[in-house]
Amino acid sequence: MKFIDEAKIEVIAGDGGDGSASMRREKFVPFGGPDGGDGGRGGSVYAVADRNINTLIDYRYTKKHQARNGENGRGSDCYGKGGDDITLRMPVGTVITDLDTGELIADLTEHEQCVMVAKGGAGGLGNLHFKSSTNRAPRQKTDGKPGERRMLKLELKVLADVGLLGMPNAGKSTFIASVSNAKPKIADYPFTTLAPNLGVVRVGPSKSFVIADIPGLIEGAAEGAGLGHQFLRHLQRTNLLLHLVDLAPFDESVDPVAEAKAIVGELRKYDETLYEKPRWLVLNKLDMVPEEERAARIADFVKRFEWDGPVFEISALTGQGCENLCYAVYDYVSAHSDARRAAEAEDLASDVRFRDEQGGGAAQSQE
């Protein structure tokens, strides 16, 4: 199936039905009075996150989604039937934005999370509501309200703990296939990966993390070179970036340091926040470097790249160094998750509303 991570759609909620201006007509009841019912409400449009869907392809070709209108009210105090709602199922990680105003409507981060994206119109009132002591036979009624109509932008950002960054043919797909359950396409030509791949890396019982591989970047991606930098959005939710570098390119004229700096430059052009995200340097294809030259080549790269962060030396093909890297990544991701949960608990404890409730409960228990 083709991977689609962006789409624009129109959602139209149903209009409310009109109220009825009806009079009760019954044998032996000459002055029956008003009995017009209300119109039914219009159907609403909902977006629901579904972990079994991994692409927005359904919305690339079906642009218009409309709920049913409510039925009009009828006599004998009969209310009109409400319009049926419609549900749009989307991948977990979809961000929904109003295309006209730029308003963020929803960020679907959990399975079965449900959000209303267009509200149906209210039904009109029948003449039954307008009777009074001075108006025994009202002819007034109200029309139903129109439903909301919106143009939406759907943007999929995959949910992963770790993201892979690097030039085409840096070995990202080989690495994710080596350490996880992912089965990406692997070949010896650039841009083999055309869509993001997700893999689960298991380092022990109940110990795992999710890793994302995106198509490679090249210099000038911000201007549209290669596949552009549109796939970088899939790294925005990650806790850690692994910058893979080909330490032994086939073309000897290629400078790995220059390529690594180009990647960092493209990252900064795309998003300053993403550029500031924790990043580790992973020097790949160690098996292609003669053993007696490895230490010198690694030291030279780190020096010229002016890197003072964590450095890992691996061979994704043979698995050398991959296990240690995965354990280190798991420890980092786990610690980051624990710290985030602690911060959330601290924020909850410091919230005035909850503190008052806890204080009130304590006071009651003392009494």
Foldseek 3Di string as FASTA:
>chain_A
DDAAFKAKAKEFWAWWAWWAQDADDDPPCPQRFTFIAWWAWTAFEKEWAAQVDRHPVVCRPHHYHYWYYWHYTDGPHRYTHYIHYYYHYDHAQKWKAFPPPRHGQDGRHDHGDMGTPKGTWHIKGYCVVVDDPVRRRDRDIGGIGGIDMTMMMIGGADAFAEEEAEAFPLCPQLQLVLFFVWDADDDNDGQSDAAKTKGWGDLDVVFITIYIYGHYDFQPLCVPPDNRCVNCSNCPNYQEYEYRFALDDPPPVDDRLVRSVSRLVSQCVVDVVSSPHHYEYEYEPLVVDPPVCNVVSVVVSCVSNVDDDHYFYAYSNVGRRSSVVRVVSSVVSVVVVVVVVVVVVVVVCPDPVVVVVVVVVVVVVVD
